Amino acid sequence: MPQFPNSRTEPDGSAVIRVLSYNIRSMRDDTDALARVIGACAPDLVLLQEAPRFFRWRKKLARLAAASGQVILSGGGTAAGPALLCSLRATVERTEDVLLPLTPGLHRRGLATAVVRFGGARVGVLSCHLSLQKDERYEQSGLLLDRLAALGVPHAVAGGDLNERPDGPAFRRVAKDLQDCWATAPWGDEHTSTPSRPHQRIDALFATPGIEVLACGVPRGLPGVREDDLRAATDHLPVLAALRIPAGL
């Protein structure tokens, strides 16, 4: 397997960053294993789903961030589950948590968003967890694209648990406008659910067309990422991407 690209700033001001998306099931499993997986991936941005959102959720999320070498960027309870972490390499420009329209009887959903800089590269970021219900999920995929455009930046990355495979209508709607990072530059494993029997890809990272996708996949085989930790950390596998973000305003 080829080596996964490391984070770096290029002479032209562009930046190579590592972005990790991970459904952490409200940290109900082995949080030490979870922190080890995140830390071993050495991400610059972490897009979480099912982050703690009830009793003492800020304290729990802060503990995970510290244990994995990250800081809290946005989200958690204020975004109904999605959250963003980042490394100290990031310069934060702004953040916003968004609650999506509530369908009576269904789980509340939201988006965690931010705009950050890495050297001369500026990028928007969005973490999502789409509905289990097909029609609501499709509607939310459009709201995701609208919110990403509303960030007002030329380059952006979105990711999360779509609760749908790549041939589903919501997944295809997002992939029509954005690069599906796995399909663009596959690396590692594809399937994200479940850790004990990976058989489907329902978690994904997407990037706007101007971003160069260098590699993307489940980081099995990445140095420091242990199989027992992947199985113990949560009920999903993470998705890791290396992206080159062009320099510019």
Protein backbone atom coordinates (compact mmCIF):
# COMPACT_ATOMS: atom_id res chain seq x y z
CA MET A 1 0.00 0.00 0.00
CA PRO A 2 1.42 3.45 -0.90
CA GLN A 3 2.30 5.78 1.96
CA PHE A 4 -0.46 8.14 3.03
CA PRO A 5 0.46 11.81 2.39
CA ASN A 6 1.57 13.89 5.35
CA SER A 7 0.32 17.37 6.17
CA ARG A 8 2.50 20.16 4.88
CA THR A 9 2.55 23.70 3.52
CA GLU A 10 3.76 24.01 -0.06
CA PRO A 11 6.09 26.77 -1.36
CA ASP A 12 3.22 28.27 -3.39
CA GLY A 13 1.13 28.75 -0.24
CA SER A 14 -1.16 25.79 -0.81
CA ALA A 15 -1.58 23.26 1.98
CA VAL A 16 -1.85 19.49 2.18
CA ILE A 17 -4.18 18.61 5.04
CA ARG A 18 -5.49 15.40 6.55
CA VAL A 19 -9.23 15.30 7.14
CA LEU A 20 -10.90 12.57 9.22
CA SER A 21 -14.63 11.79 9.38
CA TYR A 22 -15.81 9.52 12.19
CA ASN A 23 -19.14 8.48 13.75
CA ILE A 24 -18.25 8.05 17.44
CA ARG A 25 -21.61 6.78 18.79
CA SER A 26 -21.80 9.36 21.59
CA MET A 27 -18.53 8.01 23.04
CA ARG A 28 -20.39 5.01 24.47
CA ASP A 29 -17.63 2.56 23.60
CA ASP A 30 -13.88 2.48 24.36
CA THR A 31 -12.94 6.17 24.45
CA ASP A 32 -9.24 5.41 24.92
CA ALA A 33 -9.27 3.35 21.71
CA LEU A 34 -11.19 6.12 19.98
CA ALA A 35 -8.61 8.73 20.97
CA ARG A 36 -5.78 6.47 19.83
CA VAL A 37 -7.34 6.00 16.39
CA ILE A 38 -7.86 9.73 15.93
CA GLY A 39 -4.38 10.55 17.19
CA ALA A 40 -2.70 7.96 14.96
CA CYS A 41 -4.40 9.48 11.89
CA ALA A 42 -2.76 12.85 12.73
CA PRO A 43 -5.64 14.87 11.24
CA ASP A 44 -5.78 18.61 10.74
CA LEU A 45 -9.58 18.53 10.74
CA VAL A 46 -11.87 15.99 12.40
CA LEU A 47 -15.52 15.74 11.34
CA LEU A 48 -17.43 13.89 14.06
CA GLN A 49 -20.95 12.49 14.05
CA GLU A 50 -22.91 11.40 17.13
CA ALA A 51 -20.70 13.50 19.35
CA PRO A 52 -22.00 13.80 22.93
CA ARG A 53 -24.96 16.21 23.03
CA PHE A 54 -26.64 15.77 26.38
CA PHE A 55 -25.38 15.75 30.01
CA ARG A 56 -21.88 17.31 30.25
CA TRP A 57 -21.39 16.97 26.51
CA ARG A 58 -18.86 19.82 26.33
CA LYS A 59 -16.67 18.20 28.97
CA LYS A 60 -16.77 14.83 27.21
CA LEU A 61 -15.92 16.34 23.83
CA ALA A 62 -13.10 18.40 25.33
CA ARG A 63 -11.67 15.28 26.93
CA LEU A 64 -11.66 13.46 23.59
CA ALA A 65 -10.08 16.43 21.82
CA ALA A 66 -7.28 16.69 24.38
CA ALA A 67 -6.61 12.94 24.38
CA SER A 68 -6.33 12.85 20.57
CA GLY A 69 -4.20 15.98 20.15
CA GLN A 70 -7.02 18.23 18.91
CA VAL A 71 -9.04 21.24 20.05
CA ILE A 72 -12.79 21.81 19.72
CA LEU A 73 -13.79 23.85 16.70
CA SER A 74 -17.60 23.72 16.76
CA GLY A 75 -20.69 21.55 17.14
CA GLY A 76 -21.76 18.88 19.60
CA GLY A 77 -25.00 19.55 21.45
CA THR A 78 -25.53 22.85 19.63
CA ALA A 79 -25.56 21.05 16.25
CA ALA A 80 -27.55 17.99 17.43
CA GLY A 81 -24.54 15.68 17.18
CA PRO A 82 -22.13 16.70 14.41
CA ALA A 83 -18.93 18.34 15.67
CA LEU A 84 -15.61 19.62 14.38
CA LEU A 85 -12.17 19.33 15.93
CA CYS A 86 -8.94 20.75 14.56
CA SER A 87 -5.22 20.70 15.16
CA LEU A 88 -3.27 23.72 16.34
CA ARG A 89 -2.08 24.08 12.75
CA ALA A 90 -5.46 25.60 11.86
CA THR A 91 -6.27 29.30 12.15
CA VAL A 92 -9.99 29.63 12.82
CA GLU A 93 -11.86 32.33 10.91
CA ARG A 94 -15.43 31.59 11.98
CA THR A 95 -17.79 28.80 13.05
CA GLU A 96 -21.53 28.21 12.89
CA ASP A 97 -23.80 25.44 14.15
CA VAL A 98 -27.01 24.89 12.20
CA LEU A 99 -30.13 22.96 13.22
CA LEU A 100 -32.03 21.44 10.30
CA PRO A 101 -35.85 21.45 10.09
CA LEU A 102 -37.40 18.96 12.46
CA THR A 103 -39.73 16.29 11.13
CA PRO A 104 -42.20 15.34 13.92
CA GLY A 105 -41.35 11.95 15.32
CA LEU A 106 -37.85 11.85 13.86
CA HIS A 107 -34.46 12.62 15.35
CA ARG A 108 -33.27 16.26 15.22
CA ARG A 109 -30.37 16.77 12.82
CA GLY A 110 -27.86 19.56 12.39
CA LEU A 111 -24.64 20.68 10.74
CA ALA A 112 -21.37 21.83 12.28
CA THR A 113 -19.54 24.28 10.00
CA ALA A 114 -16.43 26.44 10.04
CA VAL A 115 -13.99 28.35 7.86
CA VAL A 116 -10.31 27.85 8.69
CA ARG A 117 -6.90 28.62 7.23
CA PHE A 118 -3.77 26.53 6.85
CA GLY A 119 -0.99 28.87 5.83
CA GLY A 120 -2.16 30.58 2.66
CA ALA A 121 -4.99 28.09 2.09
CA ARG A 122 -8.54 28.87 3.20
CA VAL A 123 -11.17 26.14 3.42
CA GLY A 124 -14.74 25.69 4.57
CA VAL A 125 -15.65 22.52 6.46
CA LEU A 126 -18.96 20.85 7.29
CA SER A 127 -19.85 17.76 9.33
CA CYS A 128 -23.24 16.09 8.88
CA HIS A 129 -25.27 13.06 9.94
CA LEU A 130 -28.21 12.55 7.60
CA SER A 131 -31.58 11.06 8.45
CA LEU A 132 -32.48 7.39 8.54
CA GLN A 133 -35.65 8.27 6.64
CA LYS A 134 -35.21 8.36 2.84
CA ASP A 135 -37.24 11.45 1.94
CA GLU A 136 -35.90 13.53 4.81
CA ARG A 137 -32.37 12.38 4.01
CA TYR A 138 -32.71 13.54 0.40
CA GLU A 139 -33.99 16.94 1.52
CA GLN A 140 -31.10 17.25 3.99
CA SER A 141 -28.58 16.51 1.23
CA GLY A 142 -29.80 19.61 -0.59
CA LEU A 143 -29.61 21.69 2.59
CA LEU A 144 -26.06 20.44 3.06
CA LEU A 145 -25.07 21.72 -0.38
CA ASP A 146 -26.82 25.03 0.24
CA ARG A 147 -25.05 25.53 3.55
CA LEU A 148 -21.68 24.65 2.04
CA ALA A 149 -22.22 27.26 -0.69
CA ALA A 150 -23.31 29.80 1.94
CA LEU A 151 -19.91 29.58 3.61
CA GLY A 152 -18.74 31.87 0.81
CA VAL A 153 -15.37 30.24 0.19
CA PRO A 154 -14.07 28.74 -3.08
CA HIS A 155 -12.77 25.57 -1.45
CA ALA A 156 -14.63 23.37 1.03
CA VAL A 157 -14.83 19.85 2.39
CA ALA A 158 -17.90 18.09 3.74
CA GLY A 159 -18.27 14.70 5.32
CA GLY A 160 -20.12 12.48 7.65
CA ASP A 161 -22.48 9.58 8.10
CA LEU A 162 -24.90 9.72 5.16
CA ASN A 163 -26.86 6.64 6.27
CA GLU A 164 -26.88 5.69 2.60
CA ARG A 165 -24.70 3.85 0.10
CA PRO A 166 -23.17 5.57 -2.95
CA ASP A 167 -26.00 4.40 -5.23
CA GLY A 168 -28.64 6.13 -3.08
CA PRO A 169 -30.33 9.38 -4.19
CA ALA A 170 -29.00 11.58 -1.37
CA PHE A 171 -25.43 10.32 -1.77
CA ARG A 172 -25.63 10.80 -5.55
CA ARG A 173 -27.03 14.30 -5.11
CA VAL A 174 -24.01 15.35 -3.05
CA ALA A 175 -21.54 13.54 -5.33
CA LYS A 176 -22.99 15.30 -8.39
CA ASP A 177 -21.76 18.69 -7.12
CA LEU A 178 -18.74 17.57 -5.09
CA GLN A 179 -15.90 15.12 -5.49
CA ASP A 180 -16.48 11.84 -3.68
CA CYS A 181 -12.99 11.57 -2.24
CA TRP A 182 -12.92 7.75 -2.10
CA ALA A 183 -14.03 7.45 -5.73
CA THR A 184 -11.48 10.08 -6.79
CA ALA A 185 -8.38 8.71 -5.06
CA PRO A 186 -9.07 5.41 -3.26
CA TRP A 187 -6.58 4.34 -0.57
CA GLY A 188 -6.93 1.81 2.21
CA ASP A 189 -10.31 0.15 2.66
CA GLU A 190 -13.68 1.29 1.33
CA HIS A 191 -16.41 0.00 3.64
CA THR A 192 -17.15 1.85 6.88
CA SER A 193 -19.90 -0.25 8.47
CA THR A 194 -19.52 -2.22 10.59
CA PRO A 195 -16.02 -2.59 12.13
CA SER A 196 -16.53 -6.30 12.76
CA ARG A 197 -18.05 -6.95 9.31
CA PRO A 198 -17.34 -4.12 6.89
CA HIS A 199 -19.75 -4.50 3.97
CA GLN A 200 -21.07 -1.04 3.05
CA ARG A 201 -19.85 2.52 2.59
CA ILE A 202 -22.26 4.88 4.32
CA ASP A 203 -19.65 7.37 5.60
CA ALA A 204 -17.85 9.64 3.16
CA LEU A 205 -15.77 12.74 2.58
CA PHE A 206 -16.48 15.18 -0.26
CA ALA A 207 -14.48 18.10 -1.65
CA THR A 208 -15.24 20.99 -3.96
CA PRO A 209 -13.83 20.65 -7.50
CA GLY A 210 -10.82 22.94 -6.98
CA ILE A 211 -9.34 20.74 -4.24
CA GLU A 212 -6.89 18.01 -5.24
CA VAL A 213 -7.76 14.70 -3.57
CA LEU A 214 -4.50 12.82 -2.95
CA ALA A 215 -5.86 9.78 -1.09
CA CYS A 216 -8.97 8.70 0.80
CA GLY A 217 -10.20 5.62 2.62
CA VAL A 218 -10.56 3.71 5.86
CA PRO A 219 -7.07 3.99 7.41
CA ARG A 220 -6.43 0.30 7.96
CA GLY A 221 -2.71 -0.17 7.52
CA LEU A 222 -1.83 3.36 8.56
CA PRO A 223 1.03 3.25 11.08
CA GLY A 224 -0.32 3.42 14.61
CA VAL A 225 -3.91 2.51 13.71
CA ARG A 226 -4.55 -0.82 15.41
CA GLU A 227 -7.22 -3.28 14.36
CA ASP A 228 -8.35 -3.89 17.94
CA ASP A 229 -8.78 -0.15 18.46
CA LEU A 230 -10.88 0.18 15.30
CA ARG A 231 -13.18 -2.56 16.55
CA ALA A 232 -13.41 -1.20 20.11
CA ALA A 233 -13.73 2.54 19.44
CA THR A 234 -17.26 2.76 17.96
CA ASP A 235 -19.67 1.06 15.56
CA HIS A 236 -18.32 2.78 12.42
CA LEU A 237 -14.92 2.90 10.76
CA PRO A 238 -13.32 6.28 10.09
CA VAL A 239 -12.62 7.84 6.70
CA LEU A 240 -9.31 9.67 6.23
CA ALA A 241 -8.47 11.92 3.28
CA ALA A 242 -5.37 13.84 2.23
CA LEU A 243 -6.32 16.99 0.34
CA ARG A 244 -4.29 19.74 -1.33
CA ILE A 245 -6.04 23.07 -0.76
CA PRO A 246 -5.00 25.84 -3.18
CA ALA A 247 -3.72 29.12 -1.77
CA GLY A 248 -5.96 32.16 -2.03
CA LEU A 249 -8.53 34.33 -0.33
